[in-house]
Amino acid sequence: MKLLRYGPPKNEKPGLLDSQGVIRDLSGHIRDISPETVTPEGLARIAALESDGLPRVAGTPRIGVPVKGIGKFVAIGLNYADHAQEAHLPIPTEPPMFTKAISCLSGPNDDVMLPRDSLKSDWEVELGVIIGRTARYVSEEQALQHVAGYVLANDVSERAFQMERGTQWDKGKGCDTFGPVGPWLVTADEVGEVQKLELFLNVNGHRMQTGNTQRMIFPVRHLISYVSRFMTLYPGDLLITGTPPGVGLGRKPPLFLKAGDVMHLGIEKLGEQKQKVVAWHDLGEQVLP
């Protein structure tokens, strides 16, 4: 299944993308796509519905973050050897972990806003994992049984904040709008082999990143097992798994985002995103996911 949330920010409704690419309204059956929805029991209830009998959603509504109430946004760095090399960093022997602020979450096609005083904002296409079962000290062999589904994510990063303002990467990772996710959550059964997915990202129509999840240093099953040793992962939590080479920081000379740029990215089976980059402005309360 492909599950999504559509409509204006803070007023999204739950939906399902059927086999013909038509959005179907789920609001008559569930309140939202939530941590409760992405458990095995919740997914089974949705799977039992006849999609052809669900109301069709007219037009082309805005698509929001596919899960409401994401509890944690955990990220893995340097998980592709060629990306570590372009960043002039050693290939890790254990997965580097950091978190992105929940307040950075945004819809897949919403604008990405440069933070105030941004100098080096950058792009990162990544595979995201939505947890469906509580994971605590899980083995690699059992890790994928804890996955509800997969999402496309853009780990937008301000490199000066990340690398030149002390030791914490989080400073450059959690700025407002720096977490576009979606367009939909694709359940694990539909994705199949997760370590054979193509990824790409273009900026202003020019290819910047091309990769495949088979080139990960640490595969998804290892990451889930590893992270679960340090924190409990709950249904609805989001884990993103690193980016392939081609980020702006690694170019010669480096190239960073500016207002007016357009990012277009995608992952095989998980859909595509397109974001316009805009200058900083006060978003008030609208940034809360």
C-alpha atoms as a PDB file:
ATOM      1  CA  MET A   1       0.000   0.000   0.000  1.00  0.00           C
ATOM      2  CA  LYS A   2       0.895   3.633  -0.457  1.00  0.00           C
ATOM      3  CA  LEU A   3      -0.417   5.716   2.438  1.00  0.00           C
ATOM      4  CA  LEU A   4      -0.391   9.500   2.456  1.00  0.00           C
ATOM      5  CA  ARG A   5      -1.848  12.626   4.015  1.00  0.00           C
ATOM      6  CA  TYR A   6      -3.287  15.364   1.810  1.00  0.00           C
ATOM      7  CA  GLY A   7      -4.614  18.877   2.299  1.00  0.00           C
ATOM      8  CA  PRO A   8      -3.484  22.180   3.833  1.00  0.00           C
ATOM      9  CA  PRO A   9      -0.853  22.177   6.601  1.00  0.00           C
ATOM     10  CA  LYS A  10      -2.327  21.136   9.962  1.00  0.00           C
ATOM     11  CA  ASN A  11      -5.549  20.064   8.223  1.00  0.00           C
ATOM     12  CA  GLU A  12      -4.368  17.018   6.304  1.00  0.00           C
ATOM     13  CA  LYS A  13      -6.633  14.024   5.801  1.00  0.00           C
ATOM     14  CA  PRO A  14      -5.547  10.377   5.532  1.00  0.00           C
ATOM     15  CA  GLY A  15      -5.429   8.872   2.087  1.00  0.00           C
ATOM     16  CA  LEU A  16      -4.340   5.914   0.011  1.00  0.00           C
ATOM     17  CA  LEU A  17      -2.869   5.925  -3.490  1.00  0.00           C
ATOM     18  CA  ASP A  18      -4.557   3.174  -5.480  1.00  0.00           C
ATOM     19  CA  SER A  19      -3.033   1.056  -8.249  1.00  0.00           C
ATOM     20  CA  GLN A  20      -4.173   3.594 -10.867  1.00  0.00           C
ATOM     21  CA  GLY A  21      -2.447   6.502  -9.115  1.00  0.00           C
ATOM     22  CA  VAL A  22      -5.710   7.926  -7.754  1.00  0.00           C
ATOM     23  CA  ILE A  23      -5.831   9.307  -4.220  1.00  0.00           C
ATOM     24  CA  ARG A  24      -8.594   7.699  -2.153  1.00  0.00           C
ATOM     25  CA  ASP A  25      -9.971   9.270   1.030  1.00  0.00           C
ATOM     26  CA  LEU A  26      -9.525   7.139   4.174  1.00  0.00           C
ATOM     27  CA  SER A  27     -11.087   9.595   6.621  1.00  0.00           C
ATOM     28  CA  GLY A  28     -14.294   7.578   6.800  1.00  0.00           C
ATOM     29  CA  HIS A  29     -12.334   4.680   8.287  1.00  0.00           C
ATOM     30  CA  ILE A  30      -9.398   6.146  10.234  1.00  0.00           C
ATOM     31  CA  ARG A  31      -8.751   9.493  11.884  1.00  0.00           C
ATOM     32  CA  ASP A  32      -5.247   9.908  10.438  1.00  0.00           C
ATOM     33  CA  ILE A  33      -2.091   8.099   9.369  1.00  0.00           C
ATOM     34  CA  SER A  34      -0.546   7.930  12.838  1.00  0.00           C
ATOM     35  CA  PRO A  35       1.800   5.758  14.921  1.00  0.00           C
ATOM     36  CA  GLU A  36      -1.194   3.579  15.727  1.00  0.00           C
ATOM     37  CA  THR A  37      -2.027   3.235  12.036  1.00  0.00           C
ATOM     38  CA  VAL A  38       1.429   1.974  11.048  1.00  0.00           C
ATOM     39  CA  THR A  39       1.446  -0.969  13.454  1.00  0.00           C
ATOM     40  CA  PRO A  40       0.827  -4.399  11.909  1.00  0.00           C
ATOM     41  CA  GLU A  41      -2.747  -4.326  13.222  1.00  0.00           C
ATOM     42  CA  GLY A  42      -3.397  -0.851  11.858  1.00  0.00           C
ATOM     43  CA  LEU A  43      -1.988  -1.659   8.439  1.00  0.00           C
ATOM     44  CA  ALA A  44      -4.020  -4.855   8.286  1.00  0.00           C
ATOM     45  CA  ARG A  45      -7.234  -2.905   8.896  1.00  0.00           C
ATOM     46  CA  ILE A  46      -6.473  -0.588   5.987  1.00  0.00           C
ATOM     47  CA  ALA A  47      -5.386  -3.444   3.724  1.00  0.00           C
ATOM     48  CA  ALA A  48      -8.757  -5.124   4.304  1.00  0.00           C
ATOM     49  CA  LEU A  49     -10.599  -2.166   2.737  1.00  0.00           C
ATOM     50  CA  GLU A  50     -11.672  -2.228  -0.892  1.00  0.00           C
ATOM     51  CA  SER A  51      -9.816   0.724  -2.387  1.00  0.00           C
ATOM     52  CA  ASP A  52     -12.266   1.008  -5.302  1.00  0.00           C
ATOM     53  CA  GLY A  53     -15.032   1.728  -2.795  1.00  0.00           C
ATOM     54  CA  LEU A  54     -13.209   4.611  -1.150  1.00  0.00           C
ATOM     55  CA  PRO A  55     -14.061   8.190  -2.237  1.00  0.00           C
ATOM     56  CA  ARG A  56     -11.828   9.621  -4.946  1.00  0.00           C
ATOM     57  CA  VAL A  57     -10.014  12.838  -4.061  1.00  0.00           C
ATOM     58  CA  ALA A  58     -10.491  15.461  -6.756  1.00  0.00           C
ATOM     59  CA  GLY A  59      -7.751  17.625  -8.190  1.00  0.00           C
ATOM     60  CA  THR A  60      -4.127  17.689  -7.126  1.00  0.00           C
ATOM     61  CA  PRO A  61      -4.102  18.505  -3.414  1.00  0.00           C
ATOM     62  CA  ARG A  62      -1.006  19.359  -1.427  1.00  0.00           C
ATOM     63  CA  ILE A  63       0.680  16.273   0.040  1.00  0.00           C
ATOM     64  CA  GLY A  64       1.868  16.422   3.641  1.00  0.00           C
ATOM     65  CA  VAL A  65       4.229  14.369   5.790  1.00  0.00           C
ATOM     66  CA  PRO A  66       2.867  10.812   5.422  1.00  0.00           C
ATOM     67  CA  VAL A  67       2.699  10.088   9.174  1.00  0.00           C
ATOM     68  CA  LYS A  68       1.280  12.490  11.760  1.00  0.00           C
ATOM     69  CA  GLY A  69       2.876  12.370  15.190  1.00  0.00           C
ATOM     70  CA  ILE A  70       6.360  11.147  14.285  1.00  0.00           C
ATOM     71  CA  GLY A  71       8.009  10.802  17.672  1.00  0.00           C
ATOM     72  CA  LYS A  72      11.703  10.706  16.733  1.00  0.00           C
ATOM     73  CA  PHE A  73      13.595  11.704  13.606  1.00  0.00           C
ATOM     74  CA  VAL A  74      16.867   9.750  13.772  1.00  0.00           C
ATOM     75  CA  ALA A  75      19.506  10.035  11.062  1.00  0.00           C
ATOM     76  CA  ILE A  76      22.613   8.141  10.005  1.00  0.00           C
ATOM     77  CA  GLY A  77      25.601   9.926   8.504  1.00  0.00           C
ATOM     78  CA  LEU A  78      28.292   8.826   6.077  1.00  0.00           C
ATOM     79  CA  ASN A  79      26.606   5.547   5.140  1.00  0.00           C
ATOM     80  CA  TYR A  80      27.946   5.497   1.571  1.00  0.00           C
ATOM     81  CA  ALA A  81      31.735   5.190   1.291  1.00  0.00           C
ATOM     82  CA  ASP A  82      31.980   7.535  -1.702  1.00  0.00           C
ATOM     83  CA  HIS A  83      30.013  10.204   0.191  1.00  0.00           C
ATOM     84  CA  ALA A  84      32.394   9.927   3.156  1.00  0.00           C
ATOM     85  CA  GLN A  85      35.299  10.354   0.739  1.00  0.00           C
ATOM     86  CA  GLU A  86      33.844  13.476  -0.885  1.00  0.00           C
ATOM     87  CA  ALA A  87      33.317  14.941   2.611  1.00  0.00           C
ATOM     88  CA  HIS A  88      36.993  14.188   3.389  1.00  0.00           C
ATOM     89  CA  LEU A  89      35.962  12.069   6.368  1.00  0.00           C
ATOM     90  CA  PRO A  90      37.068   8.542   7.260  1.00  0.00           C
ATOM     91  CA  ILE A  91      34.796   5.653   6.351  1.00  0.00           C
ATOM     92  CA  PRO A  92      33.016   4.876   9.632  1.00  0.00           C
ATOM     93  CA  THR A  93      33.435   1.597  11.465  1.00  0.00           C
ATOM     94  CA  GLU A  94      30.148   2.196  13.309  1.00  0.00           C
ATOM     95  CA  PRO A  95      27.143   4.174  12.032  1.00  0.00           C
ATOM     96  CA  PRO A  96      27.347   7.882  13.015  1.00  0.00           C
ATOM     97  CA  MET A  97      24.001   8.925  14.536  1.00  0.00           C
ATOM     98  CA  PHE A  98      22.322  12.295  14.982  1.00  0.00           C
ATOM     99  CA  THR A  99      18.790  13.599  15.260  1.00  0.00           C
ATOM    100  CA  LYS A 100      16.798  16.095  13.250  1.00  0.00           C
ATOM    101  CA  ALA A 101      14.267  18.266  15.053  1.00  0.00           C
ATOM    102  CA  ILE A 102      10.660  17.172  14.606  1.00  0.00           C
ATOM    103  CA  SER A 103       9.862  20.813  13.807  1.00  0.00           C
ATOM    104  CA  CYS A 104      11.872  20.528  10.559  1.00  0.00           C
ATOM    105  CA  LEU A 105       9.386  18.073   9.026  1.00  0.00           C
ATOM    106  CA  SER A 106       7.568  19.311   5.935  1.00  0.00           C
ATOM    107  CA  GLY A 107       5.609  17.999   2.981  1.00  0.00           C
ATOM    108  CA  PRO A 108       7.492  16.567   0.002  1.00  0.00           C
ATOM    109  CA  ASN A 109       6.791  19.527  -2.276  1.00  0.00           C
ATOM    110  CA  ASP A 110       6.672  22.343   0.263  1.00  0.00           C
ATOM    111  CA  ASP A 111       9.207  25.156  -0.050  1.00  0.00           C
ATOM    112  CA  VAL A 112      12.589  24.688   1.624  1.00  0.00           C
ATOM    113  CA  MET A 113      13.493  27.865   3.482  1.00  0.00           C
ATOM    114  CA  LEU A 114      17.100  28.919   3.969  1.00  0.00           C
ATOM    115  CA  PRO A 115      17.732  29.696   7.645  1.00  0.00           C
ATOM    116  CA  ARG A 116      18.750  33.178   8.684  1.00  0.00           C
ATOM    117  CA  ASP A 117      22.506  33.700   8.046  1.00  0.00           C
ATOM    118  CA  SER A 118      22.728  30.543   5.927  1.00  0.00           C
ATOM    119  CA  LEU A 119      25.951  30.248   3.957  1.00  0.00           C
ATOM    120  CA  LYS A 120      26.166  26.596   2.968  1.00  0.00           C
ATOM    121  CA  SER A 121      22.758  24.929   2.735  1.00  0.00           C
ATOM    122  CA  ASP A 122      22.952  21.592   0.945  1.00  0.00           C
ATOM    123  CA  TRP A 123      20.846  18.658  -0.305  1.00  0.00           C
ATOM    124  CA  GLU A 124      20.827  14.930   0.565  1.00  0.00           C
ATOM    125  CA  VAL A 125      18.431  12.381  -0.945  1.00  0.00           C
ATOM    126  CA  GLU A 126      17.857   9.532   1.529  1.00  0.00           C
ATOM    127  CA  LEU A 127      15.868   6.388   2.118  1.00  0.00           C
ATOM    128  CA  GLY A 128      13.678   6.712   5.201  1.00  0.00           C
ATOM    129  CA  VAL A 129      12.307   3.912   7.373  1.00  0.00           C
ATOM    130  CA  ILE A 130       9.053   4.181   9.320  1.00  0.00           C
ATOM    131  CA  ILE A 131       9.045   1.907  12.344  1.00  0.00           C
ATOM    132  CA  GLY A 132       5.932  -0.255  12.824  1.00  0.00           C
ATOM    133  CA  ARG A 133       6.804  -2.325  15.905  1.00  0.00           C
ATOM    134  CA  THR A 134       8.629  -1.257  19.062  1.00  0.00           C
ATOM    135  CA  ALA A 135      12.327  -2.022  18.569  1.00  0.00           C
ATOM    136  CA  ARG A 136      14.600  -2.465  21.574  1.00  0.00           C
ATOM    137  CA  TYR A 137      17.833  -4.456  21.289  1.00  0.00           C
ATOM    138  CA  VAL A 138      16.565  -6.231  18.188  1.00  0.00           C
ATOM    139  CA  SER A 139      18.808  -8.563  16.211  1.00  0.00           C
ATOM    140  CA  GLU A 140      19.717  -7.908  12.596  1.00  0.00           C
ATOM    141  CA  GLU A 141      17.826 -11.058  11.650  1.00  0.00           C
ATOM    142  CA  GLN A 142      14.611  -9.682  13.175  1.00  0.00           C
ATOM    143  CA  ALA A 143      15.141  -5.995  12.401  1.00  0.00           C
ATOM    144  CA  LEU A 144      13.097  -5.753   9.199  1.00  0.00           C
ATOM    145  CA  GLN A 145      10.099  -7.274  10.985  1.00  0.00           C
ATOM    146  CA  HIS A 146       9.902  -3.927  12.833  1.00  0.00           C
ATOM    147  CA  VAL A 147       9.460  -1.884   9.632  1.00  0.00           C
ATOM    148  CA  ALA A 148       6.051  -0.517   8.638  1.00  0.00           C
ATOM    149  CA  GLY A 149       7.286   0.935   5.380  1.00  0.00           C
ATOM    150  CA  TYR A 150       9.684   3.227   3.585  1.00  0.00           C
ATOM    151  CA  VAL A 151       9.669   6.885   2.559  1.00  0.00           C
ATOM    152  CA  LEU A 152      11.675   9.302   0.459  1.00  0.00           C
ATOM    153  CA  ALA A 153      13.407  12.035   2.471  1.00  0.00           C
ATOM    154  CA  ASN A 154      15.606  15.055   1.769  1.00  0.00           C
ATOM    155  CA  ASP A 155      18.073  15.557   4.624  1.00  0.00           C
ATOM    156  CA  VAL A 156      18.586  19.262   3.922  1.00  0.00           C
ATOM    157  CA  SER A 157      21.668  20.454   5.805  1.00  0.00           C
ATOM    158  CA  GLU A 158      23.361  23.769   6.563  1.00  0.00           C
ATOM    159  CA  ARG A 159      27.036  22.806   6.412  1.00  0.00           C
ATOM    160  CA  ALA A 160      28.439  25.890   8.131  1.00  0.00           C
ATOM    161  CA  PHE A 161      26.089  25.340  11.074  1.00  0.00           C
ATOM    162  CA  GLN A 162      26.835  21.595  10.997  1.00  0.00           C
ATOM    163  CA  MET A 163      30.622  21.676  10.799  1.00  0.00           C
ATOM    164  CA  GLU A 164      31.842  25.120  11.788  1.00  0.00           C
ATOM    165  CA  ARG A 165      29.758  25.885  14.880  1.00  0.00           C
ATOM    166  CA  GLY A 166      31.121  23.349  17.366  1.00  0.00           C
ATOM    167  CA  THR A 167      30.824  19.583  17.489  1.00  0.00           C
ATOM    168  CA  GLN A 168      27.092  18.912  17.106  1.00  0.00           C
ATOM    169  CA  TRP A 169      25.810  18.128  13.612  1.00  0.00           C
ATOM    170  CA  ASP A 170      22.251  18.725  14.830  1.00  0.00           C
ATOM    171  CA  LYS A 171      22.751  22.498  14.528  1.00  0.00           C
ATOM    172  CA  GLY A 172      22.763  22.263  10.749  1.00  0.00           C
ATOM    173  CA  LYS A 173      20.145  19.546  10.409  1.00  0.00           C
ATOM    174  CA  GLY A 174      16.994  20.681  12.192  1.00  0.00           C
ATOM    175  CA  CYS A 175      16.246  24.085  10.689  1.00  0.00           C
ATOM    176  CA  ASP A 176      12.621  24.762   9.760  1.00  0.00           C
ATOM    177  CA  THR A 177      11.606  22.974   6.506  1.00  0.00           C
ATOM    178  CA  PHE A 178      14.840  20.904   6.452  1.00  0.00           C
ATOM    179  CA  GLY A 179      12.953  17.590   6.589  1.00  0.00           C
ATOM    180  CA  PRO A 180      10.783  17.047   3.500  1.00  0.00           C
ATOM    181  CA  VAL A 181       9.291  13.536   3.716  1.00  0.00           C
ATOM    182  CA  GLY A 182       6.967  11.679   1.349  1.00  0.00           C
ATOM    183  CA  PRO A 183       4.971  11.745  -0.877  1.00  0.00           C
ATOM    184  CA  TRP A 184       3.778   8.505   0.673  1.00  0.00           C
ATOM    185  CA  LEU A 185       4.673   5.694   2.996  1.00  0.00           C
ATOM    186  CA  VAL A 186       5.093   2.529   0.937  1.00  0.00           C
ATOM    187  CA  THR A 187       4.543  -0.561   3.045  1.00  0.00           C
ATOM    188  CA  ALA A 188       7.436  -2.978   3.344  1.00  0.00           C
ATOM    189  CA  ASP A 189       5.653  -5.772   1.481  1.00  0.00           C
ATOM    190  CA  GLU A 190       5.251  -3.553  -1.589  1.00  0.00           C
ATOM    191  CA  VAL A 191       8.868  -2.367  -1.580  1.00  0.00           C
ATOM    192  CA  GLY A 192      10.368  -5.838  -1.316  1.00  0.00           C
ATOM    193  CA  GLU A 193      14.190  -5.868  -1.403  1.00  0.00           C
ATOM    194  CA  VAL A 194      15.144  -2.551   0.143  1.00  0.00           C
ATOM    195  CA  GLN A 195      18.864  -2.853  -0.660  1.00  0.00           C
ATOM    196  CA  LYS A 196      18.351  -2.535  -4.416  1.00  0.00           C
ATOM    197  CA  LEU A 197      16.676   0.864  -4.817  1.00  0.00           C
ATOM    198  CA  GLU A 198      17.904   3.601  -7.155  1.00  0.00           C
ATOM    199  CA  LEU A 199      18.151   7.164  -5.791  1.00  0.00           C
ATOM    200  CA  PHE A 200      18.608  10.489  -7.588  1.00  0.00           C
ATOM    201  CA  LEU A 201      18.591  14.226  -6.916  1.00  0.00           C
ATOM    202  CA  ASN A 202      18.684  17.127  -9.391  1.00  0.00           C
ATOM    203  CA  VAL A 203      19.164  20.838  -8.706  1.00  0.00           C
ATOM    204  CA  ASN A 204      17.787  23.203 -11.353  1.00  0.00           C
ATOM    205  CA  GLY A 205      17.519  20.295 -13.763  1.00  0.00           C
ATOM    206  CA  HIS A 206      21.137  19.163 -13.346  1.00  0.00           C
ATOM    207  CA  ARG A 207      21.872  15.718 -11.922  1.00  0.00           C
ATOM    208  CA  MET A 208      23.781  15.987  -8.650  1.00  0.00           C
ATOM    209  CA  GLN A 209      23.249  12.628  -6.948  1.00  0.00           C
ATOM    210  CA  THR A 210      22.847   9.139  -8.354  1.00  0.00           C
ATOM    211  CA  GLY A 211      23.021   6.108  -6.101  1.00  0.00           C
ATOM    212  CA  ASN A 212      21.691   2.731  -5.100  1.00  0.00           C
ATOM    213  CA  THR A 213      20.918   1.452  -1.623  1.00  0.00           C
ATOM    214  CA  GLN A 214      23.012  -1.651  -2.319  1.00  0.00           C
ATOM    215  CA  ARG A 215      26.054   0.607  -1.828  1.00  0.00           C
ATOM    216  CA  MET A 216      25.244   1.363   1.806  1.00  0.00           C
ATOM    217  CA  ILE A 217      28.059   0.576   4.220  1.00  0.00           C
ATOM    218  CA  PHE A 218      25.528  -0.499   6.850  1.00  0.00           C
ATOM    219  CA  PRO A 219      22.299  -1.971   5.439  1.00  0.00           C
ATOM    220  CA  VAL A 220      18.879  -1.108   6.829  1.00  0.00           C
ATOM    221  CA  ARG A 221      18.650  -4.221   9.017  1.00  0.00           C
ATOM    222  CA  HIS A 222      21.972  -3.336  10.652  1.00  0.00           C
ATOM    223  CA  LEU A 223      20.937   0.274  11.242  1.00  0.00           C
ATOM    224  CA  ILE A 224      17.680  -0.644  12.964  1.00  0.00           C
ATOM    225  CA  SER A 225      19.456  -3.164  15.168  1.00  0.00           C
ATOM    226  CA  TYR A 226      22.262  -0.719  15.950  1.00  0.00           C
ATOM    227  CA  VAL A 227      20.053   2.258  16.806  1.00  0.00           C
ATOM    228  CA  SER A 228      17.823   0.063  18.985  1.00  0.00           C
ATOM    229  CA  ARG A 229      20.799  -0.552  21.283  1.00  0.00           C
ATOM    230  CA  PHE A 230      20.923   3.122  22.205  1.00  0.00           C
ATOM    231  CA  MET A 231      17.266   4.156  22.144  1.00  0.00           C
ATOM    232  CA  THR A 232      13.909   2.461  21.870  1.00  0.00           C
ATOM    233  CA  LEU A 233      12.271   2.927  18.487  1.00  0.00           C
ATOM    234  CA  TYR A 234       8.486   3.168  18.587  1.00  0.00           C
ATOM    235  CA  PRO A 235       5.827   2.871  15.877  1.00  0.00           C
ATOM    236  CA  GLY A 236       5.822   6.035  13.817  1.00  0.00           C
ATOM    237  CA  ASP A 237       9.485   6.893  14.451  1.00  0.00           C
ATOM    238  CA  LEU A 238      11.485   7.855  11.356  1.00  0.00           C
ATOM    239  CA  LEU A 239      15.027   6.675  10.624  1.00  0.00           C
ATOM    240  CA  ILE A 240      16.865   8.046   7.582  1.00  0.00           C
ATOM    241  CA  THR A 241      19.799   6.059   6.314  1.00  0.00           C
ATOM    242  CA  GLY A 242      22.450   8.249   4.707  1.00  0.00           C
ATOM    243  CA  THR A 243      23.026   9.808   1.317  1.00  0.00           C
ATOM    244  CA  PRO A 244      25.012   8.798  -1.798  1.00  0.00           C
ATOM    245  CA  PRO A 245      27.739  11.057  -3.231  1.00  0.00           C
ATOM    246  CA  GLY A 246      27.008  14.270  -5.086  1.00  0.00           C
ATOM    247  CA  VAL A 247      26.184  16.756  -2.339  1.00  0.00           C
ATOM    248  CA  GLY A 248      27.093  20.399  -2.821  1.00  0.00           C
ATOM    249  CA  LEU A 249      29.829  20.235  -0.182  1.00  0.00           C
ATOM    250  CA  GLY A 250      31.687  17.617  -2.221  1.00  0.00           C
ATOM    251  CA  ARG A 251      31.762  19.534  -5.496  1.00  0.00           C
ATOM    252  CA  LYS A 252      34.836  21.412  -6.706  1.00  0.00           C
ATOM    253  CA  PRO A 253      34.273  24.214  -6.053  1.00  0.00           C
ATOM    254  CA  PRO A 254      31.487  23.606  -3.506  1.00  0.00           C
ATOM    255  CA  LEU A 255      27.982  24.546  -4.598  1.00  0.00           C
ATOM    256  CA  PHE A 256      25.254  25.480  -2.152  1.00  0.00           C
ATOM    257  CA  LEU A 257      21.565  26.290  -2.340  1.00  0.00           C
ATOM    258  CA  LYS A 258      20.269  29.790  -2.966  1.00  0.00           C
ATOM    259  CA  ALA A 259      16.782  31.271  -3.128  1.00  0.00           C
ATOM    260  CA  GLY A 260      15.085  30.323  -6.380  1.00  0.00           C
ATOM    261  CA  ASP A 261      16.793  26.946  -6.770  1.00  0.00           C
ATOM    262  CA  VAL A 262      14.612  23.873  -7.330  1.00  0.00           C
ATOM    263  CA  MET A 263      15.440  20.406  -5.989  1.00  0.00           C
ATOM    264  CA  HIS A 264      13.907  17.340  -7.648  1.00  0.00           C
ATOM    265  CA  LEU A 265      14.602  13.956  -6.066  1.00  0.00           C
ATOM    266  CA  GLY A 266      13.291  10.431  -6.018  1.00  0.00           C
ATOM    267  CA  ILE A 267      13.768   6.830  -4.980  1.00  0.00           C
ATOM    268  CA  GLU A 268      12.632   3.823  -6.982  1.00  0.00           C
ATOM    269  CA  LYS A 269       9.184   2.626  -5.781  1.00  0.00           C
ATOM    270  CA  LEU A 270       8.903   5.499  -3.262  1.00  0.00           C
ATOM    271  CA  GLY A 271       7.955   8.426  -5.506  1.00  0.00           C
ATOM    272  CA  GLU A 272       9.449  11.848  -6.093  1.00  0.00           C
ATOM    273  CA  GLN A 273       9.680  15.284  -4.475  1.00  0.00           C
ATOM    274  CA  LYS A 274      10.187  18.798  -5.816  1.00  0.00           C
ATOM    275  CA  GLN A 275      11.019  21.769  -3.592  1.00  0.00           C
ATOM    276  CA  LYS A 276      11.642  25.408  -4.363  1.00  0.00           C
ATOM    277  CA  VAL A 277      14.258  27.087  -2.188  1.00  0.00           C
ATOM    278  CA  VAL A 278      13.140  30.381  -0.625  1.00  0.00           C
ATOM    279  CA  ALA A 279      14.781  33.006   1.555  1.00  0.00           C
ATOM    280  CA  TRP A 280      14.233  33.061   5.302  1.00  0.00           C
ATOM    281  CA  HIS A 281      11.011  34.611   6.561  1.00  0.00           C
ATOM    282  CA  ASP A 282       9.052  34.293   9.767  1.00  0.00           C
ATOM    283  CA  LEU A 283       6.727  31.295   9.444  1.00  0.00           C
ATOM    284  CA  GLY A 284       4.976  31.875  12.746  1.00  0.00           C
ATOM    285  CA  GLU A 285       3.100  28.773  13.877  1.00  0.00           C
ATOM    286  CA  GLN A 286       2.716  27.165  10.476  1.00  0.00           C
ATOM    287  CA  VAL A 287       5.983  25.170  10.669  1.00  0.00           C
ATOM    288  CA  LEU A 288       4.741  22.711  13.271  1.00  0.00           C
ATOM    289  CA  PRO A 289       4.191  19.342  11.560  1.00  0.00           C
END
